[in-house]
C-alpha cells in the first residue's frame, strides 16, 4: 500500500509539472516552426530527427536503464560506478555521432544539404542522453519529485531560446538549423544544471578508475559493458520499430518530404500524448526494481498503474480522434486537409498499445527479462517493415500510421503475455470488465457528444473529458475509497 500511495502521489506530481511546460513547447514552439518553414523543410527536419534514433543504441548502450535499476538496488555503489559510466557515455556519444553521419552519407544517401542539420540533431541527442543518464542517478537514489522537475527543465529553457528565435529575431533567421541550434543551447544548460544538482546530492568523482590504472580498471569496464549490453539491444530494437516509419516514408516516395511533413503533423500529438506513458515508465522502473529485489508482490502496483494509464490513453486517443479535423484546422490552418486529419485519426490510437507497453516492458526490464522481450522486438521490426512496404505506396502517410498502430498493438500484446507467463498474472473477470466497461462507456459517450452540431468542438472535448473522469469511479477503474486513504508518502525521499 505504501508504494502504491507513493506512486500515485508522485505520478500526479509528474503529470502536473510536465503538463505545465511541455505542451507549450510542442504546440507553441514546434508547431509554430512547422507552420513558418517552407513546405517540406520541417518534413526533412522531422525525418532527420527520426534518423538520429536509429543508432541510439550506440549513444546510450543501455547504460541509463542499467544504471537506474542498479542504483535503485545498490545506492551505496553510485560513487564507484558513476565516473566509469560517465566516461563510457562520453566515448559512446562520439562514436554514435560518427557512425550516424557515415550511415547517413553512405547508406541513406543524404548529402551536404542534410548533413549539417543532421550533425546538430545528433549533438542534441548526445546532450539529451547525457541528461537522462544524470537523472537516472537522481531517480535511482529515490528523489522522484526532484527528477520530475528536472525532466521538464530542458523544455522550459527551450521555450525561452526558441521563443527568442521565433519572435525576438528577424523572420529570415528562422530555419531548421537555427531551430535545432536553439535546442542545443537549452540542452547544454540543462546538462550543466542537472550535473550540479547531482553533485549536491552525492559526492562524486569525475575521473574513472580505468584511466588511473588501466590494468586494474579493465575488469570493471568489461563488467559494465557486459551488464549494459542487453539493455542496449532493447533500445536498438525498440527504436527501430518505432522510428522507421518516417524514414521509410521520406526515402521511398518521390515527394517523400511532403508526406513526412504530414506524418510529422500527426505524430506531434502522439508524441505529446506519449509523454504520459514515459512518465509512468521513469517512475516505475526504480520502484519495480526495489520491490523485486525485496521479493515483494508487484501485482497491486502493476494493476494500479495499468488502470490509470489505460484510462488516460483511451480518453486522450478518443478525444483526439473525434476532434481530429478541428485540431488539424486549429494547428495548421493553411495546410489542413482530409489527408492530414485521417492520418492523425489512425496514428493517435497507437497511444493505447504504447501506453500498455510502457507498463509491462518496464516491469520486464526491472526483472531483467531482456532476451525474452528482444525476440518480440525483432518480430516487431519485421512486421513494421513489411507493412510499410505494402502500405506506403498505396496510402502514403496514412499507410505508415496503419503500420505503426499494427506493430505497436502486436508488441503490447506480446509484453502482456510475457508478464502473464513470468509473474503469473491472472486478470480477474471483474478487472477485465472494468477495463472494457470504461473503454466502451467513454467511446460511446464521445461518439454521441461529437454528433451534436450545436456544440463547439472545445465544448465537446470538455464534456468528453468530464464524462471520462466520471466513468473511472463509475466503472470501478478508480477506487475513490482507497484514494481517500492516500496522503503524502510518509518518509519518502521523493521530495528530494
Protein backbone atom coordinates (compact mmCIF):
# COMPACT_ATOMS: atom_id res chain seq x y z
CA UNK A 1 0.00 0.00 0.00
CA UNK A 2 2.84 2.45 0.82
CA UNK A 3 4.44 2.07 -2.60
CA UNK A 4 1.05 2.42 -4.28
CA UNK A 5 0.49 5.63 -2.31
CA UNK A 6 3.94 6.90 -3.21
CA UNK A 7 3.41 6.04 -6.87
CA UNK A 8 0.04 7.82 -7.08
CA UNK A 9 1.33 10.88 -5.27
CA UNK A 10 4.40 11.18 -7.48
CA UNK A 11 2.73 10.35 -10.80
CA UNK A 12 0.22 13.14 -10.20
CA UNK A 13 3.11 15.49 -9.46
CA UNK A 14 4.94 14.30 -12.58
CA UNK A 15 1.93 14.77 -14.85
CA UNK A 16 1.13 18.20 -13.44
CA UNK A 17 4.61 19.65 -13.79
CA UNK A 18 5.02 18.27 -17.30
CA UNK A 19 1.59 19.46 -18.42
CA UNK A 20 2.55 22.96 -17.33
CA UNK A 21 5.61 23.11 -19.59
CA UNK A 22 5.93 20.50 -22.35
CA UNK A 23 2.67 21.16 -24.25
CA UNK A 24 3.67 24.81 -24.59
CA UNK A 25 6.83 23.74 -26.39
CA UNK A 26 5.12 21.14 -28.59
CA UNK A 27 2.17 23.28 -29.65
CA UNK A 28 3.52 26.78 -29.09
CA UNK A 29 7.07 26.44 -30.44
CA UNK A 30 7.38 23.28 -32.53
CA UNK A 31 4.07 23.83 -34.32
CA UNK A 32 4.87 27.49 -34.99
CA UNK A 33 8.18 26.48 -36.55
CA UNK A 34 6.49 23.93 -38.82
CA UNK A 35 3.91 26.47 -39.95
CA UNK A 36 6.55 29.14 -40.68
CA UNK A 37 9.07 26.97 -42.51
CA UNK A 38 8.55 26.29 -46.24
CA UNK A 39 6.61 23.14 -47.06
CA UNK A 40 8.89 20.13 -46.83
CA UNK A 41 11.60 21.79 -44.70
CA UNK A 42 10.03 20.65 -41.46
CA UNK A 43 9.42 17.24 -43.04
CA UNK A 44 13.17 16.96 -43.64
CA UNK A 45 13.87 18.11 -40.06
CA UNK A 46 11.43 15.52 -38.71
CA UNK A 47 12.89 12.75 -40.89
CA UNK A 48 16.46 13.53 -39.82
CA UNK A 49 15.32 13.69 -36.20
CA UNK A 50 13.90 10.19 -36.55
CA UNK A 51 17.10 9.07 -38.27
CA UNK A 52 19.07 10.11 -35.17
CA UNK A 53 17.16 7.48 -33.20
CA UNK A 54 18.19 4.58 -35.44
CA UNK A 55 21.67 4.34 -33.88
CA UNK A 56 20.56 5.35 -30.40
CA UNK A 57 21.95 2.09 -29.07
CA UNK A 58 25.46 3.47 -29.58
CA UNK A 59 24.55 6.70 -27.83
CA UNK A 60 23.23 5.03 -24.69
CA UNK A 61 24.20 1.33 -24.89
CA UNK A 62 21.58 0.58 -22.24
CA UNK A 63 23.51 2.48 -19.58
CA UNK A 64 20.55 4.60 -18.49
CA UNK A 65 18.20 1.68 -17.72
CA UNK A 66 21.01 -0.42 -16.25
CA UNK A 67 22.12 2.47 -14.05
CA UNK A 68 18.60 3.36 -12.90
CA UNK A 69 17.90 -0.24 -11.91
CA UNK A 70 21.36 -0.74 -10.37
CA UNK A 71 21.38 2.48 -8.33
CA UNK A 72 17.86 1.86 -7.02
CA UNK A 73 19.01 -1.56 -5.74
CA UNK A 74 22.52 -0.60 -4.59
CA UNK A 75 22.68 3.19 -3.97
CA UNK A 76 25.89 2.80 -1.96
CA UNK A 77 27.75 1.79 -5.15
CA UNK A 78 26.94 5.02 -7.01
CA UNK A 79 30.30 6.75 -6.26
CA UNK A 80 32.15 3.67 -7.51
CA UNK A 81 30.37 3.23 -10.84
CA UNK A 82 29.42 6.82 -11.74
CA UNK A 83 32.79 8.09 -13.07
CA UNK A 84 33.31 4.93 -15.13
CA UNK A 85 29.85 5.09 -16.66
CA UNK A 86 30.17 8.83 -17.33
CA UNK A 87 33.42 8.33 -19.25
CA UNK A 88 31.87 5.47 -21.23
CA UNK A 89 28.88 7.69 -22.05
CA UNK A 90 31.14 10.39 -23.47
CA UNK A 91 33.04 7.90 -25.63
CA UNK A 92 29.84 6.28 -26.86
CA UNK A 93 28.35 9.64 -27.80
CA UNK A 94 31.36 10.42 -30.00
CA UNK A 95 31.08 7.01 -31.68
CA UNK A 96 27.33 7.50 -32.11
CA UNK A 97 27.75 10.83 -33.91
CA UNK A 98 30.45 9.46 -36.22
CA UNK A 99 28.65 6.24 -37.14
CA UNK A 100 25.35 8.04 -37.73
CA UNK A 101 26.95 10.57 -40.08
CA UNK A 102 28.69 7.81 -42.05
CA UNK A 103 25.45 5.83 -42.32
CA UNK A 104 23.51 8.90 -43.43
CA UNK A 105 26.05 9.67 -46.15
CA UNK A 106 26.97 6.17 -47.28
CA UNK A 107 23.74 4.21 -46.79
CA UNK A 108 20.81 6.64 -46.71
CA UNK A 109 22.17 8.91 -49.46
CA UNK A 110 22.00 12.21 -47.57
CA UNK A 111 24.28 14.95 -48.92
CA UNK A 112 25.73 18.30 -47.89
CA UNK A 113 22.25 19.86 -47.75
CA UNK A 114 21.15 17.50 -44.99
CA UNK A 115 24.36 16.57 -43.11
CA UNK A 116 24.92 19.90 -41.24
CA UNK A 117 21.40 19.76 -39.83
CA UNK A 118 21.84 16.10 -39.00
CA UNK A 119 25.09 16.85 -37.14
CA UNK A 120 23.31 19.41 -34.93
CA UNK A 121 20.49 16.96 -34.21
CA UNK A 122 22.98 14.21 -33.35
CA UNK A 123 24.74 16.51 -30.88
CA UNK A 124 21.34 17.32 -29.37
CA UNK A 125 20.68 13.60 -28.91
CA UNK A 126 24.05 13.17 -27.22
CA UNK A 127 23.25 16.02 -24.82
CA UNK A 128 19.74 14.66 -24.18
CA UNK A 129 21.12 11.21 -23.35
CA UNK A 130 23.66 12.78 -21.04
CA UNK A 131 20.83 14.49 -19.18
CA UNK A 132 18.89 11.24 -18.92
CA UNK A 133 21.96 9.45 -17.58
CA UNK A 134 22.49 12.04 -14.85
CA UNK A 135 18.77 11.99 -14.00
CA UNK A 136 18.80 8.18 -13.77
CA UNK A 137 21.13 8.56 -10.79
CA UNK A 138 18.80 11.06 -9.13
CA UNK A 139 15.69 8.89 -9.58
CA UNK A 140 17.68 5.79 -8.64
CA UNK A 141 18.51 7.44 -5.32
CA UNK A 142 14.78 7.97 -4.73
CA UNK A 143 14.46 11.71 -5.41
CA UNK A 144 11.41 11.26 -7.62
CA UNK A 145 9.87 14.71 -7.48
CA UNK A 146 13.21 16.41 -7.97
CA UNK A 147 13.74 14.23 -11.03
CA UNK A 148 10.23 15.17 -12.19
CA UNK A 149 11.09 18.86 -12.07
CA UNK A 150 14.35 18.30 -13.90
CA UNK A 151 12.53 16.29 -16.59
CA UNK A 152 10.88 19.50 -17.76
CA UNK A 153 13.81 21.85 -17.33
CA UNK A 154 15.10 21.30 -20.87
CA UNK A 155 11.71 22.15 -22.38
CA UNK A 156 11.43 25.24 -20.15
CA UNK A 157 14.78 26.51 -21.42
CA UNK A 158 13.80 25.58 -24.99
CA UNK A 159 10.69 27.72 -24.62
CA UNK A 160 12.91 30.69 -23.87
CA UNK A 161 15.60 30.02 -26.51
CA UNK A 162 13.20 29.08 -29.30
CA UNK A 163 10.77 31.84 -28.31
CA UNK A 164 13.54 34.40 -28.85
CA UNK A 165 14.29 32.79 -32.22
CA UNK A 166 10.64 32.93 -33.31
CA UNK A 167 9.53 36.30 -32.00
CA UNK A 168 12.66 38.20 -30.96
CA UNK A 169 14.74 37.92 -34.14
CA UNK A 170 14.05 38.79 -37.81
CA UNK A 171 11.99 36.11 -39.64
CA UNK A 172 14.85 35.38 -42.04
CA UNK A 173 16.89 33.99 -39.14
CA UNK A 174 14.46 31.11 -38.65
CA UNK A 175 15.48 27.88 -40.34
CA UNK A 176 15.57 24.21 -39.43
CA UNK A 177 19.23 24.64 -38.48
CA UNK A 178 18.68 27.66 -36.21
CA UNK A 179 15.75 25.88 -34.56
CA UNK A 180 17.98 22.89 -33.83
CA UNK A 181 20.79 25.15 -32.51
CA UNK A 182 18.39 26.89 -30.11
CA UNK A 183 17.61 23.45 -28.69
CA UNK A 184 21.35 22.73 -28.40
CA UNK A 185 21.77 25.77 -26.14
CA UNK A 186 18.86 24.73 -23.92
CA UNK A 187 20.08 21.13 -23.63
CA UNK A 188 23.63 22.20 -22.77
CA UNK A 189 22.39 24.48 -19.97
CA UNK A 190 20.13 21.69 -18.67
CA UNK A 191 23.03 19.24 -18.64
CA UNK A 192 25.08 21.63 -16.50
CA UNK A 193 22.17 22.23 -14.14
CA UNK A 194 21.35 18.54 -13.64
CA UNK A 195 25.02 17.77 -13.10
CA UNK A 196 25.23 20.44 -10.41
CA UNK A 197 22.13 19.05 -8.67
CA UNK A 198 23.54 15.51 -8.71
CA UNK A 199 26.86 16.66 -7.27
CA UNK A 200 24.88 18.31 -4.47
CA UNK A 201 23.10 15.03 -3.66
CA UNK A 202 26.11 12.71 -3.75
CA UNK A 203 29.88 13.36 -3.58
CA UNK A 204 31.03 12.03 -6.93
CA UNK A 205 34.36 11.88 -8.69
CA UNK A 206 34.56 12.57 -12.42
CA UNK A 207 37.76 10.61 -13.05
CA UNK A 208 37.20 6.94 -13.95
CA UNK A 209 39.31 4.28 -12.27
CA UNK A 210 40.38 2.73 -15.58
CA UNK A 211 42.06 5.98 -16.62
CA UNK A 212 44.18 5.99 -13.47
CA UNK A 213 45.16 2.34 -13.78
CA UNK A 214 44.13 0.56 -16.96
CA UNK A 215 45.13 -2.92 -15.84
CA UNK A 216 43.28 -2.65 -12.53
CA UNK A 217 40.26 -0.87 -14.00
CA UNK A 218 39.76 -3.02 -17.10
CA UNK A 219 37.70 -5.74 -15.31
CA UNK A 220 35.26 -3.09 -14.07
CA UNK A 221 34.97 -1.65 -17.58
CA UNK A 222 34.29 -5.08 -19.09
CA UNK A 223 31.74 -5.79 -16.35
CA UNK A 224 29.82 -2.57 -17.07
CA UNK A 225 29.74 -3.21 -20.82
CA UNK A 226 28.59 -6.78 -20.32
CA UNK A 227 25.83 -5.76 -17.93
CA UNK A 228 24.56 -2.89 -20.06
CA UNK A 229 24.73 -4.71 -23.43
CA UNK A 230 21.31 -6.42 -23.13
CA UNK A 231 19.71 -3.05 -22.33
CA UNK A 232 21.43 -1.61 -25.40
CA UNK A 233 19.86 -4.24 -27.61
CA UNK A 234 16.43 -3.41 -26.17
CA UNK A 235 16.95 0.24 -27.10
CA UNK A 236 18.13 -0.61 -30.60
CA UNK A 237 15.16 -2.85 -31.37
CA UNK A 238 12.50 -0.64 -29.78
CA UNK A 239 13.86 2.42 -31.56
CA UNK A 240 13.91 0.60 -34.90
CA UNK A 241 10.25 -0.38 -34.95
CA UNK A 242 9.07 2.98 -33.58
CA UNK A 243 11.18 5.34 -35.71
CA UNK A 244 11.50 3.56 -39.05
CA UNK A 245 8.12 4.72 -40.37
CA UNK A 246 9.04 8.35 -41.05
CA UNK A 247 12.43 7.45 -42.56
CA UNK A 248 10.91 4.84 -44.89
CA UNK A 249 8.15 7.25 -45.87
CA UNK A 250 10.59 10.02 -46.79
CA UNK A 251 13.03 7.73 -48.63
CA UNK A 252 10.57 5.59 -50.64
CA UNK A 253 8.27 8.21 -52.15
CA UNK A 254 9.40 10.69 -54.84
CA UNK A 255 7.86 13.55 -52.83
CA UNK A 256 8.61 11.88 -49.52
CA UNK A 257 9.44 15.12 -47.68
CA UNK A 258 5.87 16.34 -48.20
CA UNK A 259 4.38 13.09 -46.90
CA UNK A 260 6.83 13.07 -43.99
CA UNK A 261 5.58 16.56 -43.17
CA UNK A 262 2.02 15.17 -42.99
CA UNK A 263 3.15 12.31 -40.78
CA UNK A 264 5.08 14.74 -38.56
CA UNK A 265 1.98 16.86 -38.03
CA UNK A 266 0.06 13.83 -36.79
CA UNK A 267 2.99 12.43 -34.83
CA UNK A 268 3.28 15.66 -32.85
CA UNK A 269 0.05 14.89 -31.00
CA UNK A 270 1.07 11.28 -30.46
CA UNK A 271 4.44 12.43 -29.13
CA UNK A 272 2.72 14.81 -26.73
CA UNK A 273 0.44 12.02 -25.52
CA UNK A 274 3.35 9.59 -25.15
CA UNK A 275 4.75 11.93 -22.53
CA UNK A 276 2.24 10.37 -20.14
CA UNK A 277 3.48 6.83 -20.75
CA UNK A 278 7.13 7.81 -20.48
CA UNK A 279 6.48 9.47 -17.10
CA UNK A 280 4.98 6.23 -15.82
CA UNK A 281 7.99 4.23 -17.01
CA UNK A 282 10.61 6.52 -15.45
CA UNK A 283 8.83 6.43 -12.10
CA UNK A 284 8.01 2.71 -12.11
CA UNK A 285 11.41 1.29 -13.10
CA UNK A 286 13.23 2.04 -9.81
CA UNK A 287 10.11 1.08 -7.82
CA UNK A 288 9.76 -2.26 -9.58
CA UNK A 289 13.49 -2.92 -9.21
CA UNK A 290 13.39 -2.36 -5.44
CA UNK A 291 10.25 -4.44 -4.97
CA UNK A 292 11.63 -7.35 -6.96
CA UNK A 293 14.90 -7.27 -5.04
CA UNK A 294 12.97 -7.41 -1.77
CA UNK A 295 10.72 -10.16 -3.20
CA UNK A 296 7.57 -8.08 -2.79
CA UNK A 297 4.42 -8.72 -4.80
CA UNK A 298 4.26 -6.25 -7.71
CA UNK A 299 0.77 -7.15 -8.88
CA UNK A 300 -1.03 -4.42 -6.97
CA UNK A 301 1.29 -1.69 -8.30
CA UNK A 302 1.02 -3.07 -11.84
CA UNK A 303 -2.77 -3.08 -11.57
CA UNK A 304 -2.97 0.50 -10.30
CA UNK A 305 -0.54 1.84 -12.89
CA UNK A 306 -2.13 -0.05 -15.79
CA UNK A 307 -5.65 1.10 -14.93
CA UNK A 308 -4.53 4.71 -14.66
CA UNK A 309 -2.63 4.70 -17.95
CA UNK A 310 -5.44 2.77 -19.68
CA UNK A 311 -7.94 5.42 -18.61
CA UNK A 312 -5.65 8.23 -19.72
CA UNK A 313 -4.76 6.70 -23.08
CA UNK A 314 -8.33 5.76 -24.03
CA UNK A 315 -9.60 9.20 -23.01
CA UNK A 316 -6.97 11.18 -24.91
CA UNK A 317 -6.98 8.96 -28.00
CA UNK A 318 -10.79 9.10 -28.28
CA UNK A 319 -10.95 12.89 -27.86
CA UNK A 320 -8.23 13.49 -30.43
CA UNK A 321 -9.84 11.03 -32.86
CA UNK A 322 -13.28 12.62 -32.75
CA UNK A 323 -11.86 16.17 -32.87
CA UNK A 324 -9.14 15.36 -35.42
CA UNK A 325 -10.41 17.63 -38.22
CA UNK A 326 -10.84 20.61 -35.88
CA UNK A 327 -7.44 20.04 -34.29
CA UNK A 328 -5.65 19.98 -37.66
CA UNK A 329 -7.55 23.12 -38.71
CA UNK A 330 -6.51 24.81 -35.49
CA UNK A 331 -2.86 23.76 -35.65
CA UNK A 332 -2.29 24.13 -39.40
CA UNK A 333 -5.00 26.38 -40.87
CA UNK A 334 -3.14 26.89 -44.17
CA UNK A 335 -2.31 23.20 -44.65
CA UNK A 336 -5.39 21.44 -43.26
CA UNK A 337 -6.71 18.58 -45.40
CA UNK A 338 -8.57 15.30 -45.06
CA UNK A 339 -5.26 13.52 -45.72
CA UNK A 340 -3.74 15.11 -42.62
CA UNK A 341 -6.60 14.53 -40.23
CA UNK A 342 -7.27 10.96 -41.34
CA UNK A 343 -3.59 10.18 -40.74
CA UNK A 344 -3.92 11.68 -37.28
CA UNK A 345 -7.12 9.71 -36.68
CA UNK A 346 -5.32 6.39 -37.19
CA UNK A 347 -1.97 7.30 -35.62
CA UNK A 348 -3.37 8.62 -32.33
CA UNK A 349 -4.77 5.18 -31.44
CA UNK A 350 -1.17 3.97 -31.31
CA UNK A 351 -1.04 5.73 -27.95
CA UNK A 352 -3.15 3.00 -26.33
CA UNK A 353 -0.87 -0.01 -27.03
CA UNK A 354 2.25 2.12 -26.49
CA UNK A 355 0.98 3.06 -23.02
CA UNK A 356 0.39 -0.58 -22.11
CA UNK A 357 3.87 -1.45 -23.38
CA UNK A 358 5.39 1.18 -21.08
CA UNK A 359 3.94 -0.61 -18.04
CA UNK A 360 4.70 -4.21 -18.99
CA UNK A 361 8.12 -3.65 -20.59
CA UNK A 362 9.24 -1.60 -17.58
CA UNK A 363 8.37 -4.49 -15.27
CA UNK A 364 10.17 -6.96 -17.52
CA UNK A 365 13.20 -4.66 -17.66
CA UNK A 366 13.30 -4.39 -13.88
CA UNK A 367 13.31 -8.21 -13.74
CA UNK A 368 15.98 -8.39 -16.49
CA UNK A 369 13.76 -10.36 -18.90
CA UNK A 370 15.53 -8.63 -21.77
CA UNK A 371 16.23 -11.58 -24.04
CA UNK A 372 12.58 -12.58 -23.97
CA UNK A 373 11.49 -9.05 -24.91
CA UNK A 374 14.06 -8.74 -27.68
CA UNK A 375 12.65 -11.72 -29.57
CA UNK A 376 9.33 -9.93 -29.92
CA UNK A 377 11.02 -6.62 -30.76
CA UNK A 378 12.79 -8.31 -33.68
CA UNK A 379 9.45 -9.67 -34.85
CA UNK A 380 8.02 -6.15 -34.47
CA UNK A 381 10.70 -4.71 -36.77
CA UNK A 382 10.00 -7.34 -39.43
CA UNK A 383 6.26 -6.72 -39.17
CA UNK A 384 6.68 -2.93 -39.35
CA UNK A 385 8.93 -3.03 -42.43
CA UNK A 386 6.66 -5.49 -44.25
CA UNK A 387 3.57 -3.39 -43.53
CA UNK A 388 5.31 -0.20 -44.65
CA UNK A 389 6.47 -1.84 -47.88
CA UNK A 390 2.89 -2.84 -48.64
CA UNK A 391 1.05 0.27 -47.36
CA UNK A 392 3.25 3.29 -48.16
CA UNK A 393 2.90 3.08 -51.98
CA UNK A 394 -0.89 2.81 -51.60
CA UNK A 395 -1.71 5.16 -48.72
CA UNK A 396 1.46 7.25 -48.13
CA UNK A 397 1.48 8.74 -44.59
CA UNK A 398 -1.80 7.02 -43.73
CA UNK A 399 -0.16 3.70 -44.57
CA UNK A 400 2.70 4.40 -42.19
CA UNK A 401 0.16 5.24 -39.48
CA UNK A 402 -1.63 1.91 -40.04
CA UNK A 403 1.71 0.09 -39.87
CA UNK A 404 2.63 1.85 -36.61
CA UNK A 405 -0.72 1.00 -34.99
CA UNK A 406 -0.50 -2.65 -36.04
CA UNK A 407 3.09 -3.07 -34.87
CA UNK A 408 2.56 -1.37 -31.52
CA UNK A 409 -0.55 -3.45 -30.85
CA UNK A 410 1.42 -6.64 -31.52
CA UNK A 411 4.20 -5.53 -29.15
CA UNK A 412 1.78 -4.57 -26.36
CA UNK A 413 0.05 -7.96 -26.51
CA UNK A 414 3.43 -9.72 -26.52
CA UNK A 415 4.66 -7.77 -23.45
CA UNK A 416 1.42 -8.52 -21.61
CA UNK A 417 1.75 -12.21 -22.44
CA UNK A 418 5.32 -12.28 -21.08
CA UNK A 419 4.17 -10.69 -17.82
CA UNK A 420 1.38 -13.25 -17.51
CA UNK A 421 3.93 -16.00 -18.04
CA UNK A 422 6.73 -14.85 -15.74
CA UNK A 423 4.77 -13.12 -12.98
CA UNK A 424 1.75 -15.45 -13.08
CA UNK A 425 -0.71 -12.62 -13.53
CA UNK A 426 -4.28 -13.82 -13.69
CA UNK A 427 -6.56 -10.93 -14.69
CA UNK A 428 -9.86 -11.25 -12.87
CA UNK A 429 -13.21 -11.11 -14.61
CA UNK A 430 -14.00 -8.02 -12.55
CA UNK A 431 -10.81 -6.27 -13.65
CA UNK A 432 -11.40 -7.07 -17.33
CA UNK A 433 -14.99 -5.82 -17.02
CA UNK A 434 -13.73 -2.55 -15.52
CA UNK A 435 -11.19 -2.00 -18.29
CA UNK A 436 -13.57 -2.86 -21.14
CA UNK A 437 -16.50 -1.09 -19.50
CA UNK A 438 -14.55 2.15 -19.21
CA UNK A 439 -13.46 1.98 -22.85
CA UNK A 440 -16.97 1.28 -24.15
CA UNK A 441 -18.59 3.94 -21.97
CA UNK A 442 -16.03 6.58 -22.94
CA UNK A 443 -16.11 5.82 -26.66
CA UNK A 444 -19.91 5.66 -26.73
CA UNK A 445 -20.26 8.97 -24.88
CA UNK A 446 -17.72 10.71 -27.13
CA UNK A 447 -19.45 9.38 -30.25
CA UNK A 448 -22.78 10.83 -29.10
CA UNK A 449 -21.30 14.16 -27.99
CA UNK A 450 -19.38 14.82 -31.20
CA UNK A 451 -22.51 14.16 -33.27
CA UNK A 452 -24.19 17.20 -31.74
CA UNK A 453 -23.76 20.04 -34.28
CA UNK A 454 -24.95 22.74 -31.89
CA UNK A 455 -21.90 22.29 -29.62
CA UNK A 456 -18.50 23.74 -30.47
CA UNK A 457 -15.63 21.26 -30.58
CA UNK A 458 -13.90 22.71 -27.46
CA UNK A 459 -17.16 22.22 -25.54
CA UNK A 460 -17.49 18.68 -26.89
CA UNK A 461 -13.92 17.95 -25.80
CA UNK A 462 -14.58 19.31 -22.32
CA UNK A 463 -17.75 17.24 -21.98
CA UNK A 464 -15.92 14.14 -23.18
CA UNK A 465 -13.17 14.68 -20.62
CA UNK A 466 -15.70 15.21 -17.82
CA UNK A 467 -17.55 12.01 -18.72
CA UNK A 468 -14.28 10.05 -18.79
CA UNK A 469 -13.36 11.34 -15.32
CA UNK A 470 -16.80 10.35 -14.04
CA UNK A 471 -16.55 6.94 -15.74
CA UNK A 472 -13.40 5.99 -13.84
CA UNK A 473 -15.08 5.59 -10.42
CA UNK A 474 -18.39 4.57 -12.04
CA UNK A 475 -16.82 1.53 -13.71
CA UNK A 476 -14.62 0.79 -10.69
CA UNK A 477 -11.42 1.59 -12.58
CA UNK A 478 -10.56 4.10 -9.84
CA UNK A 479 -11.41 3.26 -6.23
CA UNK A 480 -12.19 6.57 -4.50
CA UNK A 481 -12.29 4.94 -1.07
CA UNK A 482 -8.69 3.84 -1.40
CA UNK A 483 -7.65 7.25 -2.72
CA UNK A 484 -9.05 8.96 0.38
CA UNK A 485 -6.66 6.89 2.45
CA UNK A 486 -3.70 8.14 0.43
CA UNK A 487 -1.86 11.08 1.87
CA UNK A 488 1.59 12.34 1.05
CA UNK A 489 4.03 9.42 1.25
CA UNK A 490 5.44 9.09 4.71
CA UNK A 491 9.19 9.16 4.99
CA UNK A 492 9.57 9.25 1.22
CA UNK A 493 12.65 10.71 -0.35
CA UNK A 494 10.50 11.79 -3.27
CA UNK A 495 10.62 15.40 -2.24
CA UNK A 496 14.34 15.46 -2.94
